[in-house]
N, C-alpha and C. Protein backbone atom coordinates (compact mmCIF):
# COMPACT_ATOMS: atom_id res chain seq x y z
N MET A 1 -17.72 -5.38 -4.33
CA MET A 1 -17.92 -7.20 -4.35
C MET A 1 -16.81 -8.05 -3.46
N TYR A 2 -16.85 -8.82 -2.80
CA TYR A 2 -16.40 -9.97 -1.31
C TYR A 2 -15.50 -11.00 -2.43
N LEU A 3 -14.20 -10.80 -0.99
CA LEU A 3 -13.09 -11.95 -2.03
C LEU A 3 -13.19 -13.23 -0.74
N THR A 4 -12.72 -13.95 -1.34
CA THR A 4 -11.72 -15.26 -0.72
C THR A 4 -10.91 -14.24 0.53
N VAL A 5 -9.60 -14.53 1.29
CA VAL A 5 -8.05 -14.40 1.95
C VAL A 5 -7.15 -14.92 0.74
N LYS A 6 -7.48 -15.97 -0.36
CA LYS A 6 -6.38 -16.36 -1.83
C LYS A 6 -6.94 -16.02 -2.60
N GLU A 7 -7.89 -14.73 -2.62
CA GLU A 7 -8.32 -14.11 -4.30
C GLU A 7 -7.81 -12.12 -3.59
N THR A 8 -8.07 -12.09 -2.53
CA THR A 8 -8.01 -10.93 -1.38
C THR A 8 -5.94 -10.50 -2.11
N ALA A 9 -4.84 -12.38 -1.47
CA ALA A 9 -3.33 -11.93 -1.40
C ALA A 9 -3.85 -11.66 -3.04
N GLU A 10 -3.89 -12.09 -3.89
CA GLU A 10 -3.25 -12.12 -4.86
C GLU A 10 -4.15 -10.95 -5.49
N TYR A 11 -4.77 -10.51 -4.74
CA TYR A 11 -5.30 -8.81 -5.98
C TYR A 11 -4.43 -7.65 -5.03
N LEU A 12 -3.79 -7.96 -3.21
CA LEU A 12 -3.00 -6.89 -3.25
C LEU A 12 -1.42 -7.92 -3.08
N SER A 13 -0.75 -8.48 -3.91
CA SER A 13 0.09 -9.60 -4.15
C SER A 13 0.95 -9.22 -2.79
N MET A 14 0.11 -9.70 -1.73
CA MET A 14 0.87 -10.99 -0.50
C MET A 14 0.89 -11.64 -0.62
N PRO A 15 1.02 -12.28 0.63
CA PRO A 15 1.08 -13.57 1.34
C PRO A 15 -0.25 -14.39 1.63
N GLU A 16 -1.13 -15.31 1.27
CA GLU A 16 -2.23 -15.41 2.54
C GLU A 16 -2.58 -15.59 3.48
N SER A 17 -1.44 -16.65 4.12
CA SER A 17 -0.63 -16.15 6.00
C SER A 17 -0.57 -14.61 6.70
N TYR A 18 -0.21 -13.07 5.89
CA TYR A 18 0.16 -12.47 5.78
C TYR A 18 -1.54 -10.90 5.75
N ILE A 19 -2.08 -12.12 5.10
CA ILE A 19 -3.72 -11.65 5.02
C ILE A 19 -4.32 -11.76 6.27
N GLU A 20 -4.19 -13.27 7.02
CA GLU A 20 -4.73 -14.12 7.46
C GLU A 20 -4.51 -12.98 9.55
N SER A 21 -3.38 -12.88 9.32
CA SER A 21 -2.20 -12.42 10.14
C SER A 21 -3.02 -10.57 10.23
N LEU A 22 -2.88 -10.10 9.43
CA LEU A 22 -3.61 -8.53 9.64
C LEU A 22 -5.69 -8.53 10.32
N ILE A 23 -5.67 -9.81 9.44
CA ILE A 23 -7.54 -10.63 9.20
C ILE A 23 -7.74 -10.78 11.08
N ALA A 24 -7.02 -11.20 11.80
CA ALA A 24 -6.20 -11.52 13.75
C ALA A 24 -6.49 -9.90 14.13
N GLN A 25 -5.28 -9.10 13.18
CA GLN A 25 -4.94 -8.13 13.78
C GLN A 25 -5.98 -7.07 13.83
N ASN A 26 -7.23 -7.36 13.55
CA ASN A 26 -8.29 -6.42 12.73
C ASN A 26 -8.42 -5.37 11.83
N LYS A 27 -7.80 -5.32 11.21
CA LYS A 27 -6.86 -4.56 11.23
C LYS A 27 -7.73 -4.51 9.02
N ILE A 28 -8.04 -5.54 8.70
CA ILE A 28 -9.36 -5.78 7.77
C ILE A 28 -10.25 -6.02 8.28
N ARG A 29 -10.78 -6.13 7.64
CA ARG A 29 -12.59 -6.57 7.84
C ARG A 29 -13.22 -7.51 7.26
N THR A 30 -14.29 -7.97 7.63
CA THR A 30 -14.33 -9.16 7.44
C THR A 30 -16.57 -9.38 7.68
N VAL A 31 -16.04 -10.64 7.07
CA VAL A 31 -17.75 -11.15 7.07
C VAL A 31 -17.31 -12.15 6.73
N HIS A 32 -18.03 -12.98 7.99
CA HIS A 32 -18.05 -14.77 7.80
C HIS A 32 -19.17 -15.46 7.31
N ASP A 33 -19.57 -16.00 6.54
CA ASP A 33 -20.34 -16.73 5.94
C ASP A 33 -20.61 -18.24 6.41
N GLY A 34 -20.04 -18.06 7.50
CA GLY A 34 -20.33 -19.64 8.21
C GLY A 34 -18.95 -20.49 7.65
N GLU A 35 -18.41 -20.87 6.68
CA GLU A 35 -17.04 -21.50 6.17
C GLU A 35 -16.53 -20.65 6.02
N GLN A 36 -15.87 -19.20 5.59
CA GLN A 36 -14.90 -18.65 5.78
C GLN A 36 -14.85 -16.91 5.49
N ASN A 37 -14.27 -16.76 5.16
CA ASN A 37 -13.56 -15.71 6.39
C ASN A 37 -13.71 -14.59 4.29
N LEU A 38 -14.81 -13.44 4.55
CA LEU A 38 -14.58 -12.37 2.90
C LEU A 38 -14.82 -11.38 3.42
N ILE A 39 -13.08 -10.70 1.92
CA ILE A 39 -13.35 -9.67 2.36
C ILE A 39 -13.61 -8.81 1.33
N PHE A 40 -14.65 -7.61 1.86
CA PHE A 40 -14.49 -6.29 0.80
C PHE A 40 -13.71 -5.76 -0.45
N LYS A 41 -13.45 -5.80 -0.93
CA LYS A 41 -12.57 -5.23 -2.04
C LYS A 41 -12.74 -4.15 -2.01
N GLU A 42 -13.61 -3.09 -1.72
CA GLU A 42 -13.82 -2.17 -2.02
C GLU A 42 -12.20 -0.49 -0.53
N GLN A 43 -12.53 -2.34 0.45
CA GLN A 43 -12.03 -1.19 1.19
C GLN A 43 -10.90 -1.09 1.08
N PHE A 44 -9.47 -1.26 0.11
CA PHE A 44 -8.28 -1.05 -0.30
C PHE A 44 -8.28 -0.18 -1.29
N ASN A 45 -9.63 0.95 -2.13
CA ASN A 45 -9.63 1.50 -3.01
C ASN A 45 -7.96 2.61 -2.72
N THR A 46 -8.64 3.13 -1.06
CA THR A 46 -8.08 4.31 -0.86
C THR A 46 -6.29 3.95 -0.28
N HIS A 47 -6.34 3.45 -0.05
CA HIS A 47 -4.70 2.34 0.66
C HIS A 47 -4.08 2.33 -1.01
N LEU A 48 -4.83 1.53 -2.03
CA LEU A 48 -4.04 1.61 -3.61
C LEU A 48 -4.09 3.22 -3.99
N GLU A 49 -4.80 3.74 -3.89
CA GLU A 49 -4.38 4.93 -4.66
C GLU A 49 -3.29 5.75 -3.73
N GLN A 50 -3.02 6.37 -2.46
CA GLN A 50 -1.97 6.65 -1.63
C GLN A 50 -1.18 5.95 -2.46
N MET A 51 -0.92 4.60 -3.01
CA MET A 51 1.18 3.79 -3.01
C MET A 51 0.76 4.15 -4.11
N GLU A 52 0.08 5.04 -4.89
CA GLU A 52 0.40 4.99 -6.05
C GLU A 52 0.01 6.58 -6.07
N LYS A 53 0.30 7.54 -4.82
CA LYS A 53 0.56 8.83 -5.23
C LYS A 53 1.55 9.04 -4.25
N TYR A 54 2.19 7.99 -3.84
CA TYR A 54 3.31 8.27 -3.27
C TYR A 54 4.51 8.02 -3.72
N LYS A 55 4.11 6.23 -5.14
CA LYS A 55 4.68 6.22 -6.15
C LYS A 55 5.13 7.68 -6.89
N LYS A 56 4.63 7.97 -7.25
CA LYS A 56 4.86 8.88 -8.24
C LYS A 56 5.59 9.99 -7.58
N GLN A 57 4.92 10.65 -6.47
CA GLN A 57 6.16 11.84 -5.83
C GLN A 57 7.49 10.94 -5.87
N LEU A 58 7.65 10.05 -5.71
CA LEU A 58 8.79 9.22 -5.29
C LEU A 58 10.02 9.95 -6.73
N ALA A 59 9.72 8.73 -7.01
CA ALA A 59 9.96 8.33 -8.77
C ALA A 59 10.07 10.71 -9.22
N ASP A 60 9.20 11.14 -8.55
CA ASP A 60 8.94 12.85 -9.35
C ASP A 60 10.04 13.17 -8.54
N TYR A 61 10.88 12.70 -7.45
CA TYR A 61 11.69 13.57 -6.38
C TYR A 61 13.19 12.95 -6.88
N TYR A 62 12.66 11.74 -7.32
CA TYR A 62 14.06 11.13 -8.03
C TYR A 62 14.85 11.41 -9.24
N ASN A 63 13.29 12.18 -10.42
CA ASN A 63 14.24 13.37 -11.74
C ASN A 63 14.06 14.06 -11.55
N GLU A 64 13.89 14.66 -11.02
CA GLU A 64 14.26 16.00 -10.37
C GLU A 64 15.78 15.85 -10.73
N PRO A 65 16.56 16.91 -11.14
CA PRO A 65 17.64 17.78 -10.96
C PRO A 65 18.65 17.44 -10.62
N ILE A 66 19.82 18.03 -10.07
CA ILE A 66 20.34 18.55 -9.11
C ILE A 66 20.99 20.05 -8.86
N PRO A 67 21.10 20.57 -8.39
CA PRO A 67 20.98 21.87 -7.86
C PRO A 67 22.45 22.24 -8.79
N GLU A 68 22.86 23.27 -9.47
CA GLU A 68 24.44 23.42 -8.86
C GLU A 68 24.35 23.76 -7.63
N ASP A 69 25.87 24.18 -6.97
CA ASP A 69 26.00 24.72 -6.34
C ASP A 69 26.19 25.90 -5.76
N ILE A 70 25.79 26.64 -4.69
CA ILE A 70 25.77 27.99 -5.07
C ILE A 70 27.47 28.43 -5.06
N ASP A 71 28.55 28.86 -5.09
CA ASP A 71 29.23 29.68 -4.70
C ASP A 71 28.93 30.48 -3.67
N VAL A 72 29.47 30.08 -1.52
CA VAL A 72 29.52 30.15 -1.24
C VAL A 72 31.05 30.72 -0.45
N LYS A 73 31.45 31.83 -0.23
CA LYS A 73 31.44 32.34 -0.27
C LYS A 73 32.92 32.11 1.33
N ASP A 74 33.57 31.87 1.84
CA ASP A 74 34.23 31.88 3.57
C ASP A 74 34.07 33.35 4.33
N GLU A 75 33.53 32.81 4.90
CA GLU A 75 33.97 33.88 5.54
C GLU A 75 34.81 33.55 6.86
N ASP A 76 35.78 33.35 6.84
CA ASP A 76 37.04 32.83 8.35
C ASP A 76 38.22 33.83 7.64
């Protein structure tokens, strides 16, 4: 499925100007149909899956209880 720049910005929750700058930097692949750039939606699946994975890892890290202090004897 192909999206316009506006639809892609809504899909990724990013401003249109940022999407256009990514297109100009060739970080997003597009197809030009003569009038506008069309963006293949499936190219973002891996990125979105990785973002969800990192969010879960970060939440797990923050929810991990703080370990008890070990009693370290001062050897001075």
